[in-house]
Amino acid sequence: MLKLLRGARFAEIGERLGISTEAAKMRFVRAVETLRTDLEEEGLRP
């Protein structure tokens, strides 16, 4: 969530995590999808 909270670039996130920029992007997309699904299951809309 560094992308949302701090406006970090995917390249910076990847470097910090020891993964590629593309892998950082994919993790971000998956995290947002999971959050959206969890919120919807709780009856909330993102």
N, C-alpha and C. Protein backbone atom coordinates (compact mmCIF):
# COMPACT_ATOMS: atom_id res chain seq x y z
N MET A 1 0.80 -1.19 0.00
CA MET A 1 0.00 0.00 0.00
C MET A 1 0.85 1.26 0.00
N LEU A 2 2.15 1.08 -0.16
CA LEU A 2 3.03 2.25 -0.27
C LEU A 2 2.61 3.15 -1.42
N LYS A 3 2.06 2.55 -2.45
CA LYS A 3 1.61 3.32 -3.61
C LYS A 3 0.52 4.30 -3.22
N LEU A 4 -0.44 3.85 -2.46
CA LEU A 4 -1.54 4.71 -2.06
C LEU A 4 -1.16 5.67 -0.94
N LEU A 5 -0.46 5.17 0.05
CA LEU A 5 -0.18 5.97 1.24
C LEU A 5 0.93 7.00 1.04
N ARG A 6 1.92 6.64 0.25
CA ARG A 6 3.08 7.53 0.11
C ARG A 6 3.34 7.98 -1.32
N GLY A 7 2.53 7.49 -2.25
CA GLY A 7 2.73 7.86 -3.64
C GLY A 7 4.01 7.29 -4.22
N ALA A 8 4.48 6.18 -3.66
CA ALA A 8 5.72 5.57 -4.12
C ALA A 8 5.56 5.03 -5.55
N ARG A 9 6.64 5.10 -6.29
CA ARG A 9 6.64 4.52 -7.64
C ARG A 9 6.78 3.01 -7.54
N PHE A 10 6.25 2.30 -8.53
CA PHE A 10 6.35 0.85 -8.51
C PHE A 10 7.79 0.38 -8.53
N ALA A 11 8.66 1.11 -9.20
CA ALA A 11 10.08 0.75 -9.23
C ALA A 11 10.67 0.82 -7.83
N GLU A 12 10.31 1.86 -7.08
CA GLU A 12 10.80 2.01 -5.71
C GLU A 12 10.26 0.90 -4.81
N ILE A 13 8.99 0.59 -4.97
CA ILE A 13 8.38 -0.48 -4.18
C ILE A 13 9.06 -1.81 -4.49
N GLY A 14 9.27 -2.08 -5.77
CA GLY A 14 9.94 -3.31 -6.17
C GLY A 14 11.33 -3.41 -5.58
N GLU A 15 12.05 -2.30 -5.61
CA GLU A 15 13.41 -2.28 -5.06
C GLU A 15 13.39 -2.59 -3.56
N ARG A 16 12.47 -1.98 -2.84
CA ARG A 16 12.37 -2.20 -1.39
C ARG A 16 12.02 -3.64 -1.06
N LEU A 17 11.18 -4.25 -1.90
CA LEU A 17 10.73 -5.62 -1.65
C LEU A 17 11.63 -6.67 -2.29
N GLY A 18 12.56 -6.23 -3.12
CA GLY A 18 13.45 -7.17 -3.80
C GLY A 18 12.76 -7.92 -4.93
N ILE A 19 11.80 -7.24 -5.59
CA ILE A 19 11.07 -7.84 -6.70
C ILE A 19 11.11 -6.88 -7.89
N SER A 20 10.65 -7.34 -9.04
CA SER A 20 10.64 -6.49 -10.23
C SER A 20 9.53 -5.45 -10.14
N THR A 21 9.64 -4.43 -10.97
CA THR A 21 8.61 -3.40 -11.06
C THR A 21 7.27 -4.03 -11.44
N GLU A 22 7.29 -4.94 -12.40
CA GLU A 22 6.05 -5.60 -12.84
C GLU A 22 5.42 -6.41 -11.72
N ALA A 23 6.25 -7.09 -10.93
CA ALA A 23 5.73 -7.87 -9.81
C ALA A 23 5.11 -6.94 -8.77
N ALA A 24 5.71 -5.79 -8.55
CA ALA A 24 5.16 -4.81 -7.61
C ALA A 24 3.80 -4.32 -8.10
N LYS A 25 3.68 -4.05 -9.39
CA LYS A 25 2.40 -3.63 -9.96
C LYS A 25 1.34 -4.71 -9.77
N MET A 26 1.71 -5.96 -10.04
CA MET A 26 0.76 -7.06 -9.92
C MET A 26 0.31 -7.23 -8.47
N ARG A 27 1.23 -7.12 -7.54
CA ARG A 27 0.85 -7.23 -6.12
C ARG A 27 -0.12 -6.12 -5.74
N PHE A 28 0.11 -4.92 -6.26
CA PHE A 28 -0.77 -3.80 -5.97
C PHE A 28 -2.17 -4.07 -6.52
N VAL A 29 -2.25 -4.50 -7.76
CA VAL A 29 -3.54 -4.80 -8.39
C VAL A 29 -4.27 -5.87 -7.60
N ARG A 30 -3.57 -6.92 -7.22
CA ARG A 30 -4.21 -8.00 -6.46
C ARG A 30 -4.68 -7.52 -5.09
N ALA A 31 -3.89 -6.68 -4.44
CA ALA A 31 -4.27 -6.16 -3.12
C ALA A 31 -5.53 -5.31 -3.22
N VAL A 32 -5.61 -4.48 -4.25
CA VAL A 32 -6.80 -3.64 -4.44
C VAL A 32 -8.02 -4.51 -4.73
N GLU A 33 -7.85 -5.53 -5.56
CA GLU A 33 -8.96 -6.44 -5.86
C GLU A 33 -9.44 -7.16 -4.61
N THR A 34 -8.51 -7.61 -3.78
CA THR A 34 -8.87 -8.30 -2.55
C THR A 34 -9.60 -7.36 -1.60
N LEU A 35 -9.10 -6.15 -1.47
CA LEU A 35 -9.76 -5.16 -0.61
C LEU A 35 -11.17 -4.87 -1.10
N ARG A 36 -11.32 -4.69 -2.41
CA ARG A 36 -12.64 -4.42 -2.98
C ARG A 36 -13.61 -5.57 -2.69
N THR A 37 -13.15 -6.79 -2.89
CA THR A 37 -13.99 -7.97 -2.63
C THR A 37 -14.38 -8.05 -1.16
N ASP A 38 -13.41 -7.84 -0.28
CA ASP A 38 -13.69 -7.91 1.15
C ASP A 38 -14.70 -6.85 1.57
N LEU A 39 -14.57 -5.64 1.05
CA LEU A 39 -15.50 -4.57 1.38
C LEU A 39 -16.91 -4.89 0.88
N GLU A 40 -16.99 -5.43 -0.34
CA GLU A 40 -18.28 -5.78 -0.90
C GLU A 40 -18.95 -6.89 -0.08
N GLU A 41 -18.16 -7.85 0.40
CA GLU A 41 -18.71 -8.93 1.21
C GLU A 41 -19.24 -8.41 2.54
N GLU A 42 -18.70 -7.31 3.01
CA GLU A 42 -19.16 -6.69 4.25
C GLU A 42 -20.31 -5.70 4.00
N GLY A 43 -20.72 -5.60 2.76
CA GLY A 43 -21.83 -4.72 2.42
C GLY A 43 -21.40 -3.27 2.20
N LEU A 44 -20.12 -3.07 2.02
CA LEU A 44 -19.60 -1.73 1.77
C LEU A 44 -19.15 -1.62 0.33
N ARG A 45 -19.25 -0.44 -0.20
CA ARG A 45 -18.78 -0.22 -1.57
C ARG A 45 -17.58 0.70 -1.53
N PRO A 46 -16.50 0.30 -2.19
CA PRO A 46 -15.29 1.14 -2.20
C PRO A 46 -15.49 2.43 -2.96
